[in-house]
Protein backbone atom coordinates (compact mmCIF):
# COMPACT_ATOMS: atom_id res chain seq x y z
CA MET A 1 67.92 86.51 83.56
CA THR A 2 64.48 88.06 83.43
CA ILE A 3 63.43 90.77 81.05
CA GLU A 4 61.10 93.33 82.54
CA GLN A 5 58.11 94.51 80.60
CA PRO A 6 58.35 98.16 79.54
CA HIS A 7 56.36 100.69 81.48
CA PRO A 8 53.22 101.78 79.59
CA SER A 9 54.35 105.41 79.59
CA ALA A 10 57.88 104.54 78.32
CA GLN A 11 58.93 105.98 74.99
CA PRO A 12 59.50 103.50 72.15
CA VAL A 13 63.10 102.62 71.34
CA SER A 14 64.38 103.08 67.82
CA ASP A 15 66.03 100.22 65.93
CA GLU A 16 69.43 101.93 66.19
CA GLN A 17 69.09 102.27 69.96
CA ALA A 18 67.92 98.67 70.24
CA SER A 19 70.95 97.43 68.29
CA GLN A 20 73.28 99.56 70.45
CA LEU A 21 71.66 98.16 73.59
CA ALA A 22 72.02 94.63 72.23
CA GLN A 23 75.72 95.26 71.54
CA ILE A 24 76.22 96.67 75.03
CA LEU A 25 74.45 93.66 76.51
CA SER A 26 76.62 91.22 74.57
CA VAL A 27 79.80 93.08 75.57
CA GLN A 28 78.72 93.03 79.21
CA GLN A 29 78.00 89.30 79.04
CA GLU A 30 81.45 88.67 77.57
CA GLN A 31 83.01 90.77 80.32
CA LEU A 32 81.11 88.81 82.95
CA LYS A 33 82.37 85.54 81.48
CA MET A 34 85.93 86.87 81.52
CA LEU A 35 85.55 87.98 85.15
CA GLN A 36 84.20 84.57 86.11
CA LEU A 37 87.17 82.88 84.46
CA GLN A 38 89.60 85.22 86.19
CA THR A 39 87.90 84.61 89.52
CA GLU A 40 88.11 80.84 89.02
CA ARG A 41 91.82 81.15 88.16
CA VAL A 42 92.50 83.29 91.23
CA VAL A 43 90.62 80.89 93.50
CA GLY A 44 92.56 77.98 92.00
CA ALA A 45 95.86 79.78 92.54
CA ILE A 46 94.95 80.54 96.15
CA GLN A 47 94.08 76.90 96.75
CA VAL A 48 97.39 75.78 95.28
CA LEU A 49 99.28 78.23 97.49
CA GLN A 50 97.40 77.03 100.56
CA GLN A 51 98.26 73.42 99.73
CA ARG A 52 101.90 74.34 99.25
CA SER A 53 102.04 76.24 102.53
CA ASP A 54 100.41 73.34 104.38
CA ASN A 55 103.12 70.99 103.14
CA ARG A 56 106.04 73.13 104.33
CA ASN A 57 107.06 71.75 107.69
CA VAL A 58 110.49 72.72 108.94
CA ALA A 59 112.43 70.64 111.42
CA ILE A 60 115.86 71.67 112.71
CA ASN A 61 117.80 68.64 113.87
CA ALA A 62 121.14 70.10 114.84
CA ILE A 63 123.04 73.38 114.77
CA THR A 64 126.80 73.34 114.58
CA MET A 65 128.21 76.59 115.95
CA SER A 66 131.44 77.47 117.66
CA PHE A 67 131.39 78.77 121.24
CA GLY A 68 132.52 82.26 120.20
CA ASP A 69 129.77 82.53 117.58
CA MET A 70 127.20 81.38 120.15
CA VAL A 71 128.35 84.03 122.64
CA LEU A 72 128.20 86.69 119.92
CA LEU A 73 124.67 85.59 118.97
CA LEU A 74 123.50 85.74 122.59
CA VAL A 75 125.04 89.21 123.06
CA LYS A 76 123.23 90.43 119.95
CA ILE A 77 119.95 88.99 121.22
CA ALA A 78 120.45 90.69 124.59
CA LEU A 79 121.19 94.03 122.95
CA ALA A 80 118.19 93.69 120.65
CA SER A 81 115.87 93.03 123.60
CA ILE A 82 116.74 96.33 125.35
CA PRO A 83 114.51 98.58 123.16
CA ALA A 84 111.64 96.12 123.52
CA ALA A 85 112.02 96.14 127.30
CA ILE A 86 112.05 99.95 127.32
CA ILE A 87 108.84 100.08 125.30
CA VAL A 88 107.15 97.55 127.60
CA LEU A 89 108.22 99.52 130.67
CA ILE A 90 106.87 102.77 129.22
CA LEU A 91 103.53 101.15 128.40
CA CYS A 92 103.29 99.57 131.86
CA SER A 93 104.10 102.88 133.56
CA ILE A 94 101.38 104.65 131.54
CA VAL A 95 98.81 102.01 132.47
CA LEU A 96 99.82 102.11 136.14
CA ALA A 97 99.70 105.92 136.18
CA LEU A 98 96.19 105.86 134.72
CA LEU A 99 95.03 103.24 137.20
CA GLY A 100 96.64 105.15 140.08
CA GLY A 101 94.85 108.33 139.03
CA ILE A 102 91.53 106.52 138.79
CA PHE A 103 91.91 104.90 142.21
CA ALA A 104 93.10 108.17 143.79
CA ALA A 105 90.04 109.95 142.45
CA MET A 106 87.81 107.16 143.76
CA LEU A 107 89.39 107.41 147.22
CA ARG A 108 88.95 111.19 147.32
CA ALA A 109 85.33 110.83 146.29
CA ALA A 110 84.74 108.16 148.95
CA PHE A 111 86.04 110.29 151.86
């Protein structure tokens, strides 16, 4: 930390102001130390969480399910995929309509 020399035209500081500034400086230094400690703790916690998440490998060896439950699950999956298919179709139709309009305009301009 460097201390700058006062400007020659600067007004002198009274002893009371100097002591207040010294108190403010010491409080700020304490706050900086606390922030550094908190930052170190947060970084340490993030590293621990990353290590824990790296060690979590899941392997499914076997699923025991009756035929009726499997059919019910597949029916639910099929029903759940219908809204997604509708959204994809809408997006594709919008893109194709835009491309069709662009190409139609290009053809009209060419002839």
